[in-house]
């Protein structure tokens, strides 16, 4: 089984502007790279880079941490 890394970021554009170099390096090193973000601009680009993408309904405001934790728990089961 290959090593897997998942980035969970609320905004797909933020992932592309701040985490893309790290994720590309991990992909090149042989990691199974996955990205979970809210839906929006940038999701197609994330997929074009070869990452598996999951849509999580995360809020940019982050005012209800219990909702975010609930999404992450549900996501980790899959």
PDB file of N, CA and C in Angstrom:
ATOM      1  N   UNK A   1       0.838  -1.182   0.000  1.00  0.00           N
ATOM      2  CA  UNK A   1       0.000   0.000   0.000  1.00  0.00           C
ATOM      3  C   UNK A   1       0.882   1.244   0.000  1.00  0.00           C
ATOM      4  N   UNK A   2       0.573   2.185  -0.893  1.00  0.00           N
ATOM      5  CA  UNK A   2       1.384   3.395  -0.980  1.00  0.00           C
ATOM      6  C   UNK A   2       1.044   4.360   0.143  1.00  0.00           C
ATOM      7  N   UNK A   3       1.973   5.225   0.435  1.00  0.00           N
ATOM      8  CA  UNK A   3       1.737   6.239   1.452  1.00  0.00           C
ATOM      9  C   UNK A   3       0.797   7.285   0.879  1.00  0.00           C
ATOM     10  N   UNK A   4      -0.114   7.750   1.708  1.00  0.00           N
ATOM     11  CA  UNK A   4      -1.141   8.692   1.273  1.00  0.00           C
ATOM     12  C   UNK A   4      -1.052   9.974   2.083  1.00  0.00           C
ATOM     13  N   UNK A   5      -1.195  11.088   1.382  1.00  0.00           N
ATOM     14  CA  UNK A   5      -1.266  12.395   2.023  1.00  0.00           C
ATOM     15  C   UNK A   5      -2.548  13.047   1.554  1.00  0.00           C
ATOM     16  N   UNK A   6      -3.256  13.669   2.488  1.00  0.00           N
ATOM     17  CA  UNK A   6      -4.438  14.434   2.122  1.00  0.00           C
ATOM     18  C   UNK A   6      -4.317  15.840   2.689  1.00  0.00           C
ATOM     19  N   UNK A   7      -4.532  16.805   1.822  1.00  0.00           N
ATOM     20  CA  UNK A   7      -4.602  18.198   2.229  1.00  0.00           C
ATOM     21  C   UNK A   7      -6.071  18.543   2.385  1.00  0.00           C
ATOM     22  N   UNK A   8      -6.445  19.105   3.525  1.00  0.00           N
ATOM     23  CA  UNK A   8      -7.800  19.583   3.753  1.00  0.00           C
ATOM     24  C   UNK A   8      -7.702  21.095   3.887  1.00  0.00           C
ATOM     25  N   UNK A   9      -8.280  21.781   2.912  1.00  0.00           N
ATOM     26  CA  UNK A   9      -8.194  23.238   2.825  1.00  0.00           C
ATOM     27  C   UNK A   9      -9.580  23.750   2.465  1.00  0.00           C
ATOM     28  N   UNK A  10     -10.047  24.790   3.122  1.00  0.00           N
ATOM     29  CA  UNK A  10     -11.408  25.249   2.855  1.00  0.00           C
ATOM     30  C   UNK A  10     -11.590  25.855   1.470  1.00  0.00           C
ATOM     31  N   UNK A  11     -10.565  26.451   0.887  1.00  0.00           N
ATOM     32  CA  UNK A  11     -10.691  27.150  -0.387  1.00  0.00           C
ATOM     33  C   UNK A  11      -9.740  26.532  -1.418  1.00  0.00           C
ATOM     34  N   UNK A  12     -10.263  26.038  -2.549  1.00  0.00           N
ATOM     35  CA  UNK A  12      -9.387  25.427  -3.548  1.00  0.00           C
ATOM     36  C   UNK A  12      -8.337  26.391  -4.090  1.00  0.00           C
ATOM     37  N   UNK A  13      -8.675  27.660  -4.208  1.00  0.00           N
ATOM     38  CA  UNK A  13      -7.698  28.639  -4.701  1.00  0.00           C
ATOM     39  C   UNK A  13      -6.542  28.818  -3.720  1.00  0.00           C
ATOM     40  N   UNK A  14      -6.835  28.731  -2.428  1.00  0.00           N
ATOM     41  CA  UNK A  14      -5.773  28.816  -1.424  1.00  0.00           C
ATOM     42  C   UNK A  14      -4.828  27.625  -1.547  1.00  0.00           C
ATOM     43  N   UNK A  15      -5.382  26.438  -1.764  1.00  0.00           N
ATOM     44  CA  UNK A  15      -4.528  25.272  -1.958  1.00  0.00           C
ATOM     45  C   UNK A  15      -3.578  25.507  -3.132  1.00  0.00           C
ATOM     46  N   UNK A  16      -4.126  25.990  -4.242  1.00  0.00           N
ATOM     47  CA  UNK A  16      -3.300  26.204  -5.437  1.00  0.00           C
ATOM     48  C   UNK A  16      -2.230  27.266  -5.205  1.00  0.00           C
ATOM     49  N   UNK A  17      -2.549  28.304  -4.460  1.00  0.00           N
ATOM     50  CA  UNK A  17      -1.586  29.386  -4.275  1.00  0.00           C
ATOM     51  C   UNK A  17      -0.585  29.141  -3.151  1.00  0.00           C
ATOM     52  N   UNK A  18      -0.921  28.257  -2.186  1.00  0.00           N
ATOM     53  CA  UNK A  18      -0.056  28.103  -1.018  1.00  0.00           C
ATOM     54  C   UNK A  18       0.474  26.684  -0.777  1.00  0.00           C
ATOM     55  N   UNK A  19      -0.192  25.682  -1.276  1.00  0.00           N
ATOM     56  CA  UNK A  19       0.204  24.306  -0.965  1.00  0.00           C
ATOM     57  C   UNK A  19       0.597  23.474  -2.187  1.00  0.00           C
ATOM     58  N   UNK A  20       0.359  24.013  -3.372  1.00  0.00           N
ATOM     59  CA  UNK A  20       0.615  23.258  -4.596  1.00  0.00           C
ATOM     60  C   UNK A  20       2.051  22.750  -4.713  1.00  0.00           C
ATOM     61  N   UNK A  21       3.083  23.572  -4.478  1.00  0.00           N
ATOM     62  CA  UNK A  21       4.458  23.059  -4.611  1.00  0.00           C
ATOM     63  C   UNK A  21       4.748  21.869  -3.692  1.00  0.00           C
ATOM     64  N   UNK A  22       4.230  21.920  -2.481  1.00  0.00           N
ATOM     65  CA  UNK A  22       4.448  20.815  -1.544  1.00  0.00           C
ATOM     66  C   UNK A  22       3.751  19.556  -2.055  1.00  0.00           C
ATOM     67  N   UNK A  23       2.507  19.719  -2.506  1.00  0.00           N
ATOM     68  CA  UNK A  23       1.733  18.578  -2.993  1.00  0.00           C
ATOM     69  C   UNK A  23       2.351  17.987  -4.247  1.00  0.00           C
ATOM     70  N   UNK A  24       2.842  18.822  -5.155  1.00  0.00           N
ATOM     71  CA  UNK A  24       3.484  18.306  -6.371  1.00  0.00           C
ATOM     72  C   UNK A  24       4.762  17.545  -6.029  1.00  0.00           C
ATOM     73  N   UNK A  25       5.516  18.034  -5.059  1.00  0.00           N
ATOM     74  CA  UNK A  25       6.721  17.330  -4.624  1.00  0.00           C
ATOM     75  C   UNK A  25       6.395  15.972  -4.043  1.00  0.00           C
ATOM     76  N   UNK A  26       5.334  15.899  -3.266  1.00  0.00           N
ATOM     77  CA  UNK A  26       4.919  14.618  -2.686  1.00  0.00           C
ATOM     78  C   UNK A  26       4.435  13.661  -3.769  1.00  0.00           C
ATOM     79  N   UNK A  27       3.706  14.190  -4.741  1.00  0.00           N
ATOM     80  CA  UNK A  27       3.232  13.361  -5.855  1.00  0.00           C
ATOM     81  C   UNK A  27       4.411  12.797  -6.635  1.00  0.00           C
ATOM     82  N   UNK A  28       5.394  13.641  -6.887  1.00  0.00           N
ATOM     83  CA  UNK A  28       6.600  13.223  -7.598  1.00  0.00           C
ATOM     84  C   UNK A  28       7.386  12.180  -6.797  1.00  0.00           C
ATOM     85  N   UNK A  29       7.326  12.267  -5.478  1.00  0.00           N
ATOM     86  CA  UNK A  29       8.026  11.315  -4.613  1.00  0.00           C
ATOM     87  C   UNK A  29       7.272   9.997  -4.473  1.00  0.00           C
ATOM     88  N   UNK A  30       6.098   9.882  -5.117  1.00  0.00           N
ATOM     89  CA  UNK A  30       5.380   8.625  -5.113  1.00  0.00           C
ATOM     90  C   UNK A  30       4.227   8.527  -4.136  1.00  0.00           C
ATOM     91  N   UNK A  31       3.900   9.607  -3.480  1.00  0.00           N
ATOM     92  CA  UNK A  31       2.775   9.579  -2.553  1.00  0.00           C
ATOM     93  C   UNK A  31       1.449   9.608  -3.313  1.00  0.00           C
ATOM     94  N   UNK A  32       0.462   8.971  -2.744  1.00  0.00           N
ATOM     95  CA  UNK A  32      -0.903   9.037  -3.252  1.00  0.00           C
ATOM     96  C   UNK A  32      -1.493  10.320  -2.688  1.00  0.00           C
ATOM     97  N   UNK A  33      -1.586  11.350  -3.535  1.00  0.00           N
ATOM     98  CA  UNK A  33      -1.996  12.680  -3.089  1.00  0.00           C
ATOM     99  C   UNK A  33      -3.482  12.880  -3.270  1.00  0.00           C
ATOM    100  N   UNK A  34      -4.124  13.370  -2.217  1.00  0.00           N
ATOM    101  CA  UNK A  34      -5.548  13.686  -2.248  1.00  0.00           C
ATOM    102  C   UNK A  34      -5.760  15.071  -1.667  1.00  0.00           C
ATOM    103  N   UNK A  35      -6.770  15.744  -2.172  1.00  0.00           N
ATOM    104  CA  UNK A  35      -7.062  17.100  -1.740  1.00  0.00           C
ATOM    105  C   UNK A  35      -8.553  17.196  -1.459  1.00  0.00           C
ATOM    106  N   UNK A  36      -8.912  17.761  -0.320  1.00  0.00           N
ATOM    107  CA  UNK A  36     -10.313  17.991   0.028  1.00  0.00           C
ATOM    108  C   UNK A  36     -10.497  19.485   0.243  1.00  0.00           C
ATOM    109  N   UNK A  37     -11.423  20.066  -0.511  1.00  0.00           N
ATOM    110  CA  UNK A  37     -11.722  21.487  -0.393  1.00  0.00           C
ATOM    111  C   UNK A  37     -13.218  21.680  -0.575  1.00  0.00           C
ATOM    112  N   UNK A  38     -13.662  22.903  -0.321  1.00  0.00           N
ATOM    113  CA  UNK A  38     -15.017  23.268  -0.715  1.00  0.00           C
ATOM    114  C   UNK A  38     -15.049  23.296  -2.245  1.00  0.00           C
ATOM    115  N   UNK A  39     -16.230  23.252  -2.817  1.00  0.00           N
ATOM    116  CA  UNK A  39     -16.363  23.353  -4.255  1.00  0.00           C
ATOM    117  C   UNK A  39     -16.078  24.791  -4.673  1.00  0.00           C
ATOM    118  N   UNK A  40     -15.595  24.989  -5.872  1.00  0.00           N
ATOM    119  CA  UNK A  40     -15.361  26.354  -6.326  1.00  0.00           C
ATOM    120  C   UNK A  40     -14.296  26.427  -7.391  1.00  0.00           C
ATOM    121  N   UNK A  41     -13.939  27.675  -7.716  1.00  0.00           N
ATOM    122  CA  UNK A  41     -12.893  27.893  -8.710  1.00  0.00           C
ATOM    123  C   UNK A  41     -11.603  27.237  -8.229  1.00  0.00           C
ATOM    124  N   UNK A  42     -10.978  26.531  -9.090  1.00  0.00           N
ATOM    125  CA  UNK A  42      -9.727  25.874  -8.746  1.00  0.00           C
ATOM    126  C   UNK A  42      -9.834  24.371  -8.645  1.00  0.00           C
ATOM    127  N   UNK A  43     -11.037  23.835  -8.475  1.00  0.00           N
ATOM    128  CA  UNK A  43     -11.192  22.382  -8.348  1.00  0.00           C
ATOM    129  C   UNK A  43     -10.742  21.677  -9.627  1.00  0.00           C
ATOM    130  N   UNK A  44     -11.114  22.222 -10.788  1.00  0.00           N
ATOM    131  CA  UNK A  44     -10.705  21.611 -12.056  1.00  0.00           C
ATOM    132  C   UNK A  44      -9.182  21.602 -12.190  1.00  0.00           C
ATOM    133  N   UNK A  45      -8.536  22.684 -11.765  1.00  0.00           N
ATOM    134  CA  UNK A  45      -7.078  22.747 -11.837  1.00  0.00           C
ATOM    135  C   UNK A  45      -6.439  21.727 -10.905  1.00  0.00           C
ATOM    136  N   UNK A  46      -7.007  21.549  -9.731  1.00  0.00           N
ATOM    137  CA  UNK A  46      -6.488  20.551  -8.791  1.00  0.00           C
ATOM    138  C   UNK A  46      -6.534  19.171  -9.423  1.00  0.00           C
ATOM    139  N   UNK A  47      -7.641  18.854 -10.057  1.00  0.00           N
ATOM    140  CA  UNK A  47      -7.774  17.553 -10.732  1.00  0.00           C
ATOM    141  C   UNK A  47      -6.821  17.444 -11.917  1.00  0.00           C
ATOM    142  N   UNK A  48      -6.626  18.556 -12.637  1.00  0.00           N
ATOM    143  CA  UNK A  48      -5.716  18.552 -13.790  1.00  0.00           C
ATOM    144  C   UNK A  48      -4.280  18.231 -13.377  1.00  0.00           C
ATOM    145  N   UNK A  49      -3.907  18.585 -12.162  1.00  0.00           N
ATOM    146  CA  UNK A  49      -2.569  18.267 -11.664  1.00  0.00           C
ATOM    147  C   UNK A  49      -2.426  16.792 -11.304  1.00  0.00           C
ATOM    148  N   UNK A  50      -3.532  16.047 -11.311  1.00  0.00           N
ATOM    149  CA  UNK A  50      -3.469  14.618 -11.040  1.00  0.00           C
ATOM    150  C   UNK A  50      -3.817  14.231  -9.621  1.00  0.00           C
ATOM    151  N   UNK A  51      -4.353  15.174  -8.844  1.00  0.00           N
ATOM    152  CA  UNK A  51      -4.734  14.866  -7.476  1.00  0.00           C
ATOM    153  C   UNK A  51      -6.161  14.323  -7.437  1.00  0.00           C
ATOM    154  N   UNK A  52      -6.409  13.369  -6.559  1.00  0.00           N
ATOM    155  CA  UNK A  52      -7.768  12.961  -6.268  1.00  0.00           C
ATOM    156  C   UNK A  52      -8.380  14.074  -5.440  1.00  0.00           C
ATOM    157  N   UNK A  53      -9.580  14.522  -5.812  1.00  0.00           N
ATOM    158  CA  UNK A  53     -10.217  15.637  -5.116  1.00  0.00           C
ATOM    159  C   UNK A  53     -11.541  15.213  -4.504  1.00  0.00           C
ATOM    160  N   UNK A  54     -11.779  15.675  -3.293  1.00  0.00           N
ATOM    161  CA  UNK A  54     -13.041  15.458  -2.590  1.00  0.00           C
ATOM    162  C   UNK A  54     -13.635  16.817  -2.250  1.00  0.00           C
ATOM    163  N   UNK A  55     -14.935  16.957  -2.447  1.00  0.00           N
ATOM    164  CA  UNK A  55     -15.613  18.188  -2.067  1.00  0.00           C
ATOM    165  C   UNK A  55     -16.122  18.046  -0.636  1.00  0.00           C
ATOM    166  N   UNK A  56     -15.687  18.964   0.209  1.00  0.00           N
ATOM    167  CA  UNK A  56     -16.180  19.039   1.583  1.00  0.00           C
ATOM    168  C   UNK A  56     -16.854  20.386   1.750  1.00  0.00           C
ATOM    169  N   UNK A  57     -18.051  20.426   2.311  1.00  0.00           N
ATOM    170  CA  UNK A  57     -18.743  21.707   2.486  1.00  0.00           C
ATOM    171  C   UNK A  57     -18.189  22.488   3.670  1.00  0.00           C
ATOM    172  N   UNK A  58     -16.950  22.912   3.540  1.00  0.00           N
ATOM    173  CA  UNK A  58     -16.303  23.668   4.608  1.00  0.00           C
ATOM    174  C   UNK A  58     -16.596  25.152   4.443  1.00  0.00           C
ATOM    175  N   UNK A  59     -16.764  25.831   5.548  1.00  0.00           N
ATOM    176  CA  UNK A  59     -17.032  27.264   5.539  1.00  0.00           C
ATOM    177  C   UNK A  59     -15.721  28.029   5.631  1.00  0.00           C
ATOM    178  N   UNK A  60     -15.634  29.127   4.908  1.00  0.00           N
ATOM    179  CA  UNK A  60     -14.439  29.969   5.009  1.00  0.00           C
ATOM    180  C   UNK A  60     -14.400  30.699   6.337  1.00  0.00           C
ATOM    181  N   UNK A  61     -15.570  30.950   6.927  1.00  0.00           N
ATOM    182  CA  UNK A  61     -15.589  31.694   8.188  1.00  0.00           C
ATOM    183  C   UNK A  61     -15.181  30.828   9.370  1.00  0.00           C
ATOM    184  N   UNK A  62     -15.458  29.515   9.297  1.00  0.00           N
ATOM    185  CA  UNK A  62     -15.064  28.616  10.365  1.00  0.00           C
ATOM    186  C   UNK A  62     -15.713  28.933  11.697  1.00  0.00           C
ATOM    187  N   UNK A  63     -16.935  29.430  11.681  1.00  0.00           N
ATOM    188  CA  UNK A  63     -17.587  29.847  12.924  1.00  0.00           C
ATOM    189  C   UNK A  63     -18.176  28.690  13.717  1.00  0.00           C
ATOM    190  N   UNK A  64     -18.302  27.530  13.100  1.00  0.00           N
ATOM    191  CA  UNK A  64     -18.849  26.381  13.820  1.00  0.00           C
ATOM    192  C   UNK A  64     -17.871  25.216  13.694  1.00  0.00           C
ATOM    193  N   UNK A  65     -16.914  25.129  14.604  1.00  0.00           N
ATOM    194  CA  UNK A  65     -15.897  24.081  14.493  1.00  0.00           C
ATOM    195  C   UNK A  65     -16.480  22.671  14.598  1.00  0.00           C
ATOM    196  N   UNK A  66     -17.621  22.506  15.255  1.00  0.00           N
ATOM    197  CA  UNK A  66     -18.225  21.172  15.352  1.00  0.00           C
ATOM    198  C   UNK A  66     -18.655  20.659  13.984  1.00  0.00           C
ATOM    199  N   UNK A  67     -19.152  21.541  13.134  1.00  0.00           N
ATOM    200  CA  UNK A  67     -19.509  21.128  11.773  1.00  0.00           C
ATOM    201  C   UNK A  67     -18.270  20.666  11.020  1.00  0.00           C
ATOM    202  N   UNK A  68     -17.191  21.407  11.127  1.00  0.00           N
ATOM    203  CA  UNK A  68     -15.960  21.028  10.427  1.00  0.00           C
ATOM    204  C   UNK A  68     -15.431  19.700  10.939  1.00  0.00           C
ATOM    205  N   UNK A  69     -15.457  19.501  12.237  1.00  0.00           N
ATOM    206  CA  UNK A  69     -14.995  18.230  12.809  1.00  0.00           C
ATOM    207  C   UNK A  69     -15.883  17.094  12.332  1.00  0.00           C
ATOM    208  N   UNK A  70     -17.183  17.317  12.275  1.00  0.00           N
ATOM    209  CA  UNK A  70     -18.112  16.295  11.801  1.00  0.00           C
ATOM    210  C   UNK A  70     -17.783  15.894  10.363  1.00  0.00           C
ATOM    211  N   UNK A  71     -17.500  16.875   9.495  1.00  0.00           N
ATOM    212  CA  UNK A  71     -17.142  16.564   8.111  1.00  0.00           C
ATOM    213  C   UNK A  71     -15.857  15.749   8.058  1.00  0.00           C
ATOM    214  N   UNK A  72     -14.886  16.120   8.864  1.00  0.00           N
ATOM    215  CA  UNK A  72     -13.612  15.409   8.848  1.00  0.00           C
ATOM    216  C   UNK A  72     -13.757  13.981   9.354  1.00  0.00           C
ATOM    217  N   UNK A  73     -14.569  13.776  10.364  1.00  0.00           N
ATOM    218  CA  UNK A  73     -14.792  12.424  10.880  1.00  0.00           C
ATOM    219  C   UNK A  73     -15.475  11.574   9.817  1.00  0.00           C
ATOM    220  N   UNK A  74     -16.513  12.119   9.196  1.00  0.00           N
ATOM    221  CA  UNK A  74     -17.204  11.389   8.137  1.00  0.00           C
ATOM    222  C   UNK A  74     -16.261  11.104   6.978  1.00  0.00           C
ATOM    223  N   UNK A  75     -15.395  12.061   6.657  1.00  0.00           N
ATOM    224  CA  UNK A  75     -14.463  11.894   5.556  1.00  0.00           C
ATOM    225  C   UNK A  75     -13.425  10.816   5.858  1.00  0.00           C
ATOM    226  N   UNK A  76     -12.943  10.765   7.085  1.00  0.00           N
ATOM    227  CA  UNK A  76     -11.883   9.813   7.435  1.00  0.00           C
ATOM    228  C   UNK A  76     -12.371   8.378   7.413  1.00  0.00           C
ATOM    229  N   UNK A  77     -13.661   8.175   7.550  1.00  0.00           N
ATOM    230  CA  UNK A  77     -14.215   6.817   7.504  1.00  0.00           C
ATOM    231  C   UNK A  77     -14.161   6.256   6.094  1.00  0.00           C
ATOM    232  N   UNK A  78     -14.300   7.149   5.101  1.00  0.00           N
ATOM    233  CA  UNK A  78     -14.273   6.725   3.700  1.00  0.00           C
ATOM    234  C   UNK A  78     -12.851   6.499   3.303  1.00  0.00           C
TER     235      UNK A  78
END
